[in-house]
Each structure stands twice: as structure tokens, then as C-alpha cells.
N, C-alpha and C. Protein backbone atom coordinates (compact mmCIF):
# COMPACT_ATOMS: atom_id res chain seq x y z
N MET A 1 2.30 -25.21 27.38
CA MET A 1 1.43 -25.31 26.21
C MET A 1 1.06 -26.79 26.00
N THR A 2 -0.23 -27.02 25.89
CA THR A 2 -0.67 -28.40 25.70
C THR A 2 -0.43 -28.81 24.25
N ASN A 3 -0.51 -30.10 24.04
CA ASN A 3 -0.33 -30.65 22.70
C ASN A 3 -1.38 -30.09 21.73
N GLU A 4 -2.62 -29.96 22.21
CA GLU A 4 -3.71 -29.44 21.38
C GLU A 4 -3.48 -27.97 21.01
N GLU A 5 -3.04 -27.18 21.96
CA GLU A 5 -2.75 -25.76 21.70
C GLU A 5 -1.61 -25.63 20.69
N TYR A 6 -0.62 -26.48 20.85
CA TYR A 6 0.51 -26.48 19.94
C TYR A 6 0.05 -26.81 18.51
N LYS A 7 -0.83 -27.82 18.40
CA LYS A 7 -1.36 -28.23 17.11
C LYS A 7 -2.15 -27.09 16.45
N GLU A 8 -2.98 -26.41 17.25
CA GLU A 8 -3.76 -25.27 16.73
C GLU A 8 -2.84 -24.16 16.25
N LEU A 9 -1.82 -23.87 17.01
CA LEU A 9 -0.86 -22.84 16.64
C LEU A 9 -0.13 -23.21 15.35
N GLU A 10 0.21 -24.46 15.24
CA GLU A 10 0.89 -24.95 14.04
C GLU A 10 -0.01 -24.82 12.81
N GLU A 11 -1.28 -25.20 12.95
CA GLU A 11 -2.24 -25.07 11.85
C GLU A 11 -2.44 -23.60 11.47
N PHE A 12 -2.57 -22.74 12.46
CA PHE A 12 -2.71 -21.31 12.23
C PHE A 12 -1.53 -20.78 11.44
N ASP A 13 -0.35 -21.17 11.86
CA ASP A 13 0.88 -20.71 11.22
C ASP A 13 0.98 -21.20 9.77
N LYS A 14 0.60 -22.46 9.56
CA LYS A 14 0.64 -23.03 8.21
C LYS A 14 -0.31 -22.27 7.28
N LEU A 15 -1.54 -22.07 7.74
CA LEU A 15 -2.52 -21.36 6.92
C LEU A 15 -2.11 -19.91 6.72
N LYS A 16 -1.59 -19.29 7.77
CA LYS A 16 -1.15 -17.89 7.67
C LYS A 16 -0.06 -17.77 6.60
N THR A 17 0.85 -18.70 6.56
CA THR A 17 1.93 -18.68 5.56
C THR A 17 1.36 -18.81 4.15
N LYS A 18 0.41 -19.73 3.97
CA LYS A 18 -0.21 -19.91 2.65
C LYS A 18 -0.93 -18.64 2.20
N VAL A 19 -1.74 -18.09 3.10
CA VAL A 19 -2.51 -16.89 2.77
C VAL A 19 -1.57 -15.72 2.51
N LEU A 20 -0.54 -15.61 3.31
CA LEU A 20 0.42 -14.53 3.14
C LEU A 20 1.10 -14.59 1.78
N LYS A 21 1.51 -15.77 1.37
CA LYS A 21 2.09 -15.93 0.03
C LYS A 21 1.10 -15.48 -1.04
N TYR A 22 -0.16 -15.85 -0.85
CA TYR A 22 -1.22 -15.50 -1.80
C TYR A 22 -1.41 -13.98 -1.90
N VAL A 23 -1.42 -13.28 -0.77
CA VAL A 23 -1.64 -11.83 -0.81
C VAL A 23 -0.38 -11.05 -1.14
N LEU A 24 0.79 -11.63 -0.91
CA LEU A 24 2.02 -10.93 -1.27
C LEU A 24 2.32 -11.04 -2.77
N TYR A 25 1.86 -12.13 -3.38
CA TYR A 25 2.05 -12.30 -4.82
C TYR A 25 1.33 -11.20 -5.57
N LYS A 26 0.12 -10.89 -5.12
CA LYS A 26 -0.70 -9.84 -5.73
C LYS A 26 -1.68 -9.38 -4.66
N LYS A 27 -1.90 -8.09 -4.55
CA LYS A 27 -2.84 -7.58 -3.55
C LYS A 27 -4.20 -8.23 -3.75
N ARG A 28 -4.81 -8.64 -2.66
CA ARG A 28 -6.11 -9.33 -2.73
C ARG A 28 -7.09 -8.67 -1.77
N THR A 29 -8.36 -8.84 -2.08
CA THR A 29 -9.39 -8.38 -1.16
C THR A 29 -9.65 -9.47 -0.13
N GLU A 30 -10.32 -9.08 0.93
CA GLU A 30 -10.68 -10.07 1.96
C GLU A 30 -11.54 -11.17 1.35
N GLN A 31 -12.47 -10.77 0.48
CA GLN A 31 -13.36 -11.74 -0.16
C GLN A 31 -12.59 -12.73 -1.03
N GLU A 32 -11.61 -12.24 -1.78
CA GLU A 32 -10.79 -13.14 -2.61
C GLU A 32 -10.05 -14.17 -1.74
N VAL A 33 -9.54 -13.71 -0.62
CA VAL A 33 -8.84 -14.62 0.30
C VAL A 33 -9.80 -15.67 0.84
N ARG A 34 -10.97 -15.22 1.25
CA ARG A 34 -11.96 -16.16 1.81
C ARG A 34 -12.42 -17.18 0.77
N GLN A 35 -12.57 -16.74 -0.50
CA GLN A 35 -12.97 -17.68 -1.56
C GLN A 35 -11.87 -18.69 -1.84
N LYS A 36 -10.65 -18.21 -1.92
CA LYS A 36 -9.51 -19.09 -2.25
C LYS A 36 -9.30 -20.16 -1.18
N PHE A 37 -9.47 -19.77 0.08
CA PHE A 37 -9.20 -20.69 1.18
C PHE A 37 -10.49 -21.14 1.86
N ALA A 38 -11.56 -21.23 1.10
CA ALA A 38 -12.88 -21.56 1.64
C ALA A 38 -12.91 -22.93 2.31
N GLU A 39 -12.03 -23.84 1.89
CA GLU A 39 -12.04 -25.17 2.50
C GLU A 39 -11.63 -25.11 3.97
N ASN A 40 -10.97 -24.02 4.37
CA ASN A 40 -10.58 -23.83 5.77
C ASN A 40 -11.68 -23.06 6.50
N THR A 41 -12.79 -23.73 6.69
CA THR A 41 -13.91 -23.06 7.33
C THR A 41 -13.67 -22.91 8.82
N GLY A 42 -14.52 -22.13 9.43
CA GLY A 42 -14.45 -21.99 10.88
C GLY A 42 -13.53 -20.88 11.32
N ASN A 43 -13.15 -20.99 12.57
CA ASN A 43 -12.39 -19.92 13.20
C ASN A 43 -10.98 -19.76 12.66
N LEU A 44 -10.39 -20.82 12.17
CA LEU A 44 -9.00 -20.75 11.73
C LEU A 44 -8.82 -19.69 10.64
N LEU A 45 -9.62 -19.76 9.59
CA LEU A 45 -9.50 -18.78 8.51
C LEU A 45 -9.86 -17.39 9.02
N ASP A 46 -10.91 -17.30 9.82
CA ASP A 46 -11.29 -16.00 10.39
C ASP A 46 -10.14 -15.38 11.18
N ASN A 47 -9.48 -16.21 11.98
CA ASN A 47 -8.36 -15.72 12.79
C ASN A 47 -7.19 -15.27 11.91
N VAL A 48 -6.90 -16.03 10.87
CA VAL A 48 -5.80 -15.67 9.96
C VAL A 48 -6.13 -14.36 9.25
N VAL A 49 -7.36 -14.25 8.73
CA VAL A 49 -7.78 -13.03 8.03
C VAL A 49 -7.70 -11.83 8.97
N GLU A 50 -8.20 -11.98 10.18
CA GLU A 50 -8.14 -10.87 11.15
C GLU A 50 -6.70 -10.48 11.46
N TYR A 51 -5.84 -11.47 11.62
CA TYR A 51 -4.43 -11.19 11.89
C TYR A 51 -3.82 -10.41 10.72
N LEU A 52 -4.07 -10.85 9.49
CA LEU A 52 -3.49 -10.19 8.32
C LEU A 52 -4.08 -8.80 8.10
N LYS A 53 -5.33 -8.61 8.51
CA LYS A 53 -5.93 -7.27 8.44
C LYS A 53 -5.25 -6.35 9.46
N GLN A 54 -5.02 -6.86 10.65
CA GLN A 54 -4.35 -6.06 11.69
C GLN A 54 -2.94 -5.67 11.25
N GLU A 55 -2.28 -6.58 10.56
CA GLU A 55 -0.92 -6.33 10.10
C GLU A 55 -0.90 -5.58 8.76
N ASN A 56 -2.08 -5.25 8.26
CA ASN A 56 -2.27 -4.46 7.04
C ASN A 56 -1.85 -5.18 5.75
N TYR A 57 -1.82 -6.49 5.78
CA TYR A 57 -1.58 -7.26 4.55
C TYR A 57 -2.86 -7.35 3.72
N ILE A 58 -3.98 -7.31 4.41
CA ILE A 58 -5.29 -7.26 3.75
C ILE A 58 -5.94 -5.96 4.19
N ASN A 59 -6.18 -5.09 3.22
CA ASN A 59 -6.78 -3.80 3.53
C ASN A 59 -7.64 -3.39 2.33
N ASP A 60 -8.94 -3.62 2.44
CA ASP A 60 -9.84 -3.36 1.31
C ASP A 60 -9.86 -1.89 0.90
N ALA A 61 -9.75 -0.98 1.85
CA ALA A 61 -9.76 0.46 1.51
C ALA A 61 -8.55 0.83 0.66
N SER A 62 -7.37 0.34 1.04
CA SER A 62 -6.19 0.66 0.23
C SER A 62 -6.22 -0.11 -1.10
N TYR A 63 -6.85 -1.29 -1.10
CA TYR A 63 -7.01 -2.04 -2.35
C TYR A 63 -7.84 -1.22 -3.34
N ILE A 64 -8.91 -0.60 -2.86
CA ILE A 64 -9.77 0.23 -3.72
C ILE A 64 -8.95 1.37 -4.32
N GLU A 65 -8.21 2.04 -3.47
CA GLU A 65 -7.42 3.18 -3.94
C GLU A 65 -6.40 2.76 -4.99
N LYS A 66 -5.66 1.68 -4.72
CA LYS A 66 -4.64 1.21 -5.67
C LYS A 66 -5.29 0.75 -6.97
N SER A 67 -6.41 0.05 -6.87
CA SER A 67 -7.09 -0.43 -8.07
C SER A 67 -7.58 0.72 -8.93
N ILE A 68 -8.17 1.71 -8.30
CA ILE A 68 -8.67 2.86 -9.06
C ILE A 68 -7.52 3.62 -9.71
N ASN A 69 -6.42 3.78 -9.00
CA ASN A 69 -5.25 4.44 -9.60
C ASN A 69 -4.75 3.67 -10.82
N GLU A 70 -4.73 2.35 -10.71
CA GLU A 70 -4.29 1.52 -11.83
C GLU A 70 -5.27 1.61 -13.01
N ILE A 71 -6.55 1.54 -12.71
CA ILE A 71 -7.58 1.65 -13.75
C ILE A 71 -7.45 3.00 -14.46
N GLN A 72 -7.25 4.06 -13.69
CA GLN A 72 -7.15 5.39 -14.29
C GLN A 72 -5.94 5.51 -15.21
N ARG A 73 -4.87 4.81 -14.89
CA ARG A 73 -3.68 4.84 -15.75
C ARG A 73 -3.85 4.01 -17.01
N LEU A 74 -4.61 2.92 -16.93
CA LEU A 74 -4.60 1.94 -18.02
C LEU A 74 -5.89 1.85 -18.83
N LYS A 75 -7.01 2.28 -18.29
CA LYS A 75 -8.28 2.01 -18.97
C LYS A 75 -9.13 3.27 -19.09
N ASN A 76 -10.07 3.21 -20.02
CA ASN A 76 -11.06 4.26 -20.17
C ASN A 76 -12.42 3.70 -19.80
N LEU A 77 -12.84 3.98 -18.57
CA LEU A 77 -14.10 3.44 -18.06
C LEU A 77 -14.94 4.56 -17.45
N SER A 78 -16.23 4.31 -17.36
CA SER A 78 -17.10 5.23 -16.63
C SER A 78 -16.93 4.95 -15.14
N ILE A 79 -17.39 5.87 -14.32
CA ILE A 79 -17.34 5.67 -12.88
C ILE A 79 -18.15 4.42 -12.52
N LYS A 80 -19.28 4.24 -13.20
CA LYS A 80 -20.13 3.08 -12.95
C LYS A 80 -19.38 1.77 -13.24
N GLU A 81 -18.63 1.74 -14.35
CA GLU A 81 -17.86 0.55 -14.70
C GLU A 81 -16.76 0.28 -13.67
N VAL A 82 -16.12 1.34 -13.20
CA VAL A 82 -15.07 1.19 -12.18
C VAL A 82 -15.69 0.57 -10.93
N LYS A 83 -16.86 1.09 -10.55
CA LYS A 83 -17.54 0.58 -9.35
C LYS A 83 -17.88 -0.90 -9.52
N TYR A 84 -18.43 -1.29 -10.67
CA TYR A 84 -18.78 -2.69 -10.90
C TYR A 84 -17.56 -3.60 -10.86
N LYS A 85 -16.45 -3.13 -11.41
CA LYS A 85 -15.21 -3.91 -11.38
C LYS A 85 -14.79 -4.19 -9.93
N LEU A 86 -14.88 -3.17 -9.10
CA LEU A 86 -14.48 -3.32 -7.70
C LEU A 86 -15.46 -4.20 -6.93
N LEU A 87 -16.75 -4.03 -7.19
CA LEU A 87 -17.75 -4.85 -6.52
C LEU A 87 -17.59 -6.32 -6.90
N ALA A 88 -17.16 -6.57 -8.13
CA ALA A 88 -16.94 -7.95 -8.59
C ALA A 88 -15.81 -8.63 -7.81
N LYS A 89 -14.93 -7.84 -7.21
CA LYS A 89 -13.84 -8.38 -6.40
C LYS A 89 -14.31 -8.69 -4.98
N GLY A 90 -15.59 -8.44 -4.72
CA GLY A 90 -16.14 -8.75 -3.40
C GLY A 90 -15.96 -7.63 -2.40
N LEU A 91 -15.65 -6.44 -2.89
CA LEU A 91 -15.48 -5.30 -1.98
C LEU A 91 -16.84 -4.77 -1.54
N SER A 92 -16.86 -4.16 -0.40
CA SER A 92 -18.10 -3.62 0.15
C SER A 92 -18.54 -2.41 -0.66
N SER A 93 -19.81 -2.39 -1.00
CA SER A 93 -20.39 -1.28 -1.75
C SER A 93 -20.20 0.04 -0.98
N ARG A 94 -20.31 -0.04 0.33
CA ARG A 94 -20.14 1.15 1.17
C ARG A 94 -18.73 1.72 1.02
N LEU A 95 -17.71 0.86 1.06
CA LEU A 95 -16.32 1.32 0.92
C LEU A 95 -16.07 1.93 -0.46
N VAL A 96 -16.60 1.28 -1.50
CA VAL A 96 -16.41 1.78 -2.87
C VAL A 96 -17.10 3.13 -3.03
N ASP A 97 -18.36 3.23 -2.59
CA ASP A 97 -19.10 4.49 -2.69
C ASP A 97 -18.41 5.60 -1.91
N GLU A 98 -17.90 5.24 -0.74
CA GLU A 98 -17.20 6.21 0.10
C GLU A 98 -15.98 6.77 -0.63
N TYR A 99 -15.20 5.88 -1.25
CA TYR A 99 -14.01 6.34 -1.98
C TYR A 99 -14.41 7.25 -3.13
N ILE A 100 -15.41 6.84 -3.90
CA ILE A 100 -15.85 7.64 -5.05
C ILE A 100 -16.36 9.00 -4.58
N TYR A 101 -17.14 9.01 -3.50
CA TYR A 101 -17.68 10.26 -2.98
C TYR A 101 -16.55 11.19 -2.50
N ASN A 102 -15.60 10.63 -1.78
CA ASN A 102 -14.50 11.44 -1.24
C ASN A 102 -13.54 11.93 -2.33
N ASN A 103 -13.59 11.33 -3.50
CA ASN A 103 -12.71 11.72 -4.61
C ASN A 103 -13.53 12.08 -5.84
N LYS A 104 -14.71 12.67 -5.62
CA LYS A 104 -15.64 12.86 -6.74
C LYS A 104 -15.10 13.78 -7.83
N GLU A 105 -14.34 14.81 -7.47
CA GLU A 105 -13.78 15.71 -8.49
C GLU A 105 -12.81 14.95 -9.41
N GLU A 106 -11.91 14.23 -8.78
CA GLU A 106 -10.92 13.44 -9.53
C GLU A 106 -11.61 12.37 -10.38
N MET A 107 -12.62 11.71 -9.81
CA MET A 107 -13.33 10.66 -10.53
C MET A 107 -14.11 11.23 -11.72
N LEU A 108 -14.72 12.39 -11.52
CA LEU A 108 -15.46 13.03 -12.61
C LEU A 108 -14.51 13.44 -13.73
N GLU A 109 -13.38 14.00 -13.35
CA GLU A 109 -12.37 14.39 -14.35
C GLU A 109 -11.89 13.17 -15.13
N TYR A 110 -11.65 12.07 -14.41
CA TYR A 110 -11.24 10.82 -15.06
C TYR A 110 -12.30 10.35 -16.05
N GLU A 111 -13.58 10.37 -15.63
CA GLU A 111 -14.65 9.91 -16.51
C GLU A 111 -14.74 10.79 -17.76
N ILE A 112 -14.63 12.09 -17.59
CA ILE A 112 -14.69 13.01 -18.73
C ILE A 112 -13.54 12.72 -19.69
N ASN A 113 -12.33 12.57 -19.15
CA ASN A 113 -11.17 12.29 -20.00
C ASN A 113 -11.30 10.94 -20.70
N SER A 114 -11.84 9.95 -20.01
CA SER A 114 -12.07 8.63 -20.62
C SER A 114 -13.05 8.75 -21.78
N ALA A 115 -14.14 9.47 -21.55
CA ALA A 115 -15.15 9.64 -22.60
C ALA A 115 -14.57 10.39 -23.79
N LYS A 116 -13.76 11.41 -23.52
CA LYS A 116 -13.12 12.17 -24.62
C LYS A 116 -12.21 11.26 -25.44
N THR A 117 -11.44 10.42 -24.76
CA THR A 117 -10.53 9.50 -25.44
C THR A 117 -11.31 8.54 -26.34
N ILE A 118 -12.38 7.99 -25.81
CA ILE A 118 -13.21 7.08 -26.61
C ILE A 118 -13.83 7.82 -27.79
N LEU A 119 -14.30 9.03 -27.56
CA LEU A 119 -14.91 9.83 -28.63
C LEU A 119 -13.90 10.07 -29.75
N VAL A 120 -12.68 10.44 -29.38
CA VAL A 120 -11.64 10.69 -30.39
C VAL A 120 -11.32 9.42 -31.17
N LYS A 121 -11.19 8.29 -30.46
CA LYS A 121 -10.84 7.02 -31.12
C LYS A 121 -11.92 6.57 -32.09
N LYS A 122 -13.18 6.81 -31.73
CA LYS A 122 -14.28 6.28 -32.53
C LYS A 122 -14.83 7.28 -33.55
N THR A 123 -14.34 8.52 -33.55
CA THR A 123 -14.85 9.55 -34.44
C THR A 123 -14.76 9.16 -35.91
N ASN A 124 -13.71 8.48 -36.29
CA ASN A 124 -13.53 8.10 -37.70
C ASN A 124 -14.44 6.95 -38.14
N ILE A 125 -14.94 6.17 -37.19
CA ILE A 125 -15.72 5.00 -37.58
C ILE A 125 -17.19 5.07 -37.17
N MET A 126 -17.55 6.06 -36.33
CA MET A 126 -18.94 6.17 -35.89
C MET A 126 -19.38 7.63 -35.90
N GLU A 127 -20.68 7.82 -36.03
CA GLU A 127 -21.26 9.16 -35.92
C GLU A 127 -21.22 9.58 -34.46
N LYS A 128 -21.18 10.89 -34.23
CA LYS A 128 -21.09 11.42 -32.87
C LYS A 128 -22.25 10.92 -32.00
N GLU A 129 -23.46 10.93 -32.53
CA GLU A 129 -24.62 10.52 -31.74
C GLU A 129 -24.52 9.03 -31.36
N ASP A 130 -24.00 8.21 -32.29
CA ASP A 130 -23.81 6.78 -32.00
C ASP A 130 -22.76 6.58 -30.90
N ILE A 131 -21.72 7.40 -30.93
CA ILE A 131 -20.68 7.32 -29.90
C ILE A 131 -21.27 7.71 -28.55
N LEU A 132 -22.05 8.75 -28.51
CA LEU A 132 -22.68 9.19 -27.25
C LEU A 132 -23.62 8.11 -26.71
N ASN A 133 -24.36 7.46 -27.60
CA ASN A 133 -25.23 6.35 -27.17
C ASN A 133 -24.41 5.18 -26.64
N TYR A 134 -23.30 4.89 -27.30
CA TYR A 134 -22.38 3.84 -26.87
C TYR A 134 -21.89 4.14 -25.44
N LEU A 135 -21.46 5.39 -25.22
CA LEU A 135 -20.97 5.80 -23.91
C LEU A 135 -22.09 5.74 -22.86
N ARG A 136 -23.28 6.11 -23.27
CA ARG A 136 -24.44 6.05 -22.36
C ARG A 136 -24.67 4.61 -21.90
N LYS A 137 -24.57 3.66 -22.84
CA LYS A 137 -24.76 2.25 -22.51
C LYS A 137 -23.67 1.74 -21.56
N LYS A 138 -22.48 2.33 -21.65
CA LYS A 138 -21.37 1.93 -20.79
C LYS A 138 -21.44 2.57 -19.41
N GLY A 139 -22.49 3.38 -19.18
CA GLY A 139 -22.71 3.94 -17.85
C GLY A 139 -22.16 5.32 -17.61
N TYR A 140 -21.72 6.01 -18.67
CA TYR A 140 -21.24 7.37 -18.48
C TYR A 140 -22.41 8.27 -18.10
N MET A 141 -22.13 9.20 -17.18
CA MET A 141 -23.18 10.09 -16.70
C MET A 141 -23.58 11.09 -17.78
N GLU A 142 -24.83 11.51 -17.75
CA GLU A 142 -25.33 12.49 -18.73
C GLU A 142 -24.52 13.77 -18.67
N GLU A 143 -24.10 14.17 -17.48
CA GLU A 143 -23.30 15.38 -17.33
C GLU A 143 -21.99 15.26 -18.12
N THR A 144 -21.37 14.09 -18.04
CA THR A 144 -20.13 13.84 -18.79
C THR A 144 -20.39 13.92 -20.28
N LEU A 145 -21.48 13.30 -20.73
CA LEU A 145 -21.81 13.29 -22.16
C LEU A 145 -22.10 14.71 -22.65
N ARG A 146 -22.76 15.50 -21.83
CA ARG A 146 -23.06 16.88 -22.20
C ARG A 146 -21.75 17.66 -22.36
N ILE A 147 -20.83 17.49 -21.42
CA ILE A 147 -19.55 18.21 -21.45
C ILE A 147 -18.75 17.83 -22.69
N ILE A 148 -18.62 16.53 -22.96
CA ILE A 148 -17.81 16.15 -24.13
C ILE A 148 -18.54 16.49 -25.43
N GLY A 149 -19.86 16.46 -25.41
CA GLY A 149 -20.65 16.84 -26.59
C GLY A 149 -20.43 18.29 -26.95
N GLU A 150 -20.36 19.13 -25.93
CA GLU A 150 -20.12 20.56 -26.16
C GLU A 150 -18.71 20.81 -26.68
N ASP A 151 -17.76 20.04 -26.16
CA ASP A 151 -16.35 20.20 -26.57
C ASP A 151 -16.13 19.82 -28.02
N TYR A 152 -16.97 18.93 -28.54
CA TYR A 152 -16.76 18.44 -29.91
C TYR A 152 -17.90 18.85 -30.84
N GLU A 153 -18.34 20.09 -30.70
CA GLU A 153 -19.38 20.60 -31.60
C GLU A 153 -18.75 20.94 -32.94
């Protein structure tokens, strides 16, 4: 091994360790990693990211699944809001759409339950039509609004 090869390997290892600490602290998307370590331009960062993807430390598809599961447990959002949250993390629109499409029944049920929860919470302070308009502005689908509207006649 030449001195130059050794130096490259050492740099790779140093950056890999930094990135690994970053992704082990909290799951990150590939885009988040690239933004955080943007000063390491060129092949070095690309090689580290590829290595960590191969070793499954960075996996955008599983990140989407875990994020959506967490959102469903903790928040009341429309499917559109969930999608925007994920896209803001730098995830591929194709991957997000694919997940939503493959889990459309579960996602629709989640959106309906979220809308019902918001409707119940706001019933004492807002008129039903104002609540439905509020939900419409937040991106809830008309089908969801029709279903919850019928349930609360």
C-alpha cells in the first residue's frame, strides 16, 4: 500500500466514523447526510454514503416507513402534510409516493382518524363548516371530509 493510498483510506475511515456517529444518533436521510457533510465534496463523501447505504445505515425507504409510523402515533396530519414533511427531509418524491400508494388503505384510515380527532377537538370552539374548511386548507382529501361529515351529522 502506497503512502497516498494509506492517506485516502485514513480520510475515508475518519469521515465514515463521523457520518456513522451522525446517523446512529438519529436516523437520517441521504440528503441530510450530504447537507451536513457538504464540505467534504467529491468522491470521498460519495464513497462513504454508498458504503453506509450498502451496510443499511442509510436507507431512505426504511426512513419513510419509520417516519410515517411515528407521525401516525404522534400527530394528526393529512396524507398531503405527511408527504410534505418527508419531502422536506430531502427524500425522493418517487419513494414517498410509492410508500403511500402501497399502503393506501392504512394511510386513508389514518387520515380519516386524524380528521375525526381534529373535528372532535374543535367542535366546541368552531362551527362544523369552519372545521371542514380548516381541514380542507390542511390538505385533507374531499373523500375524507365527506366521510367525517357524514359521521357527525
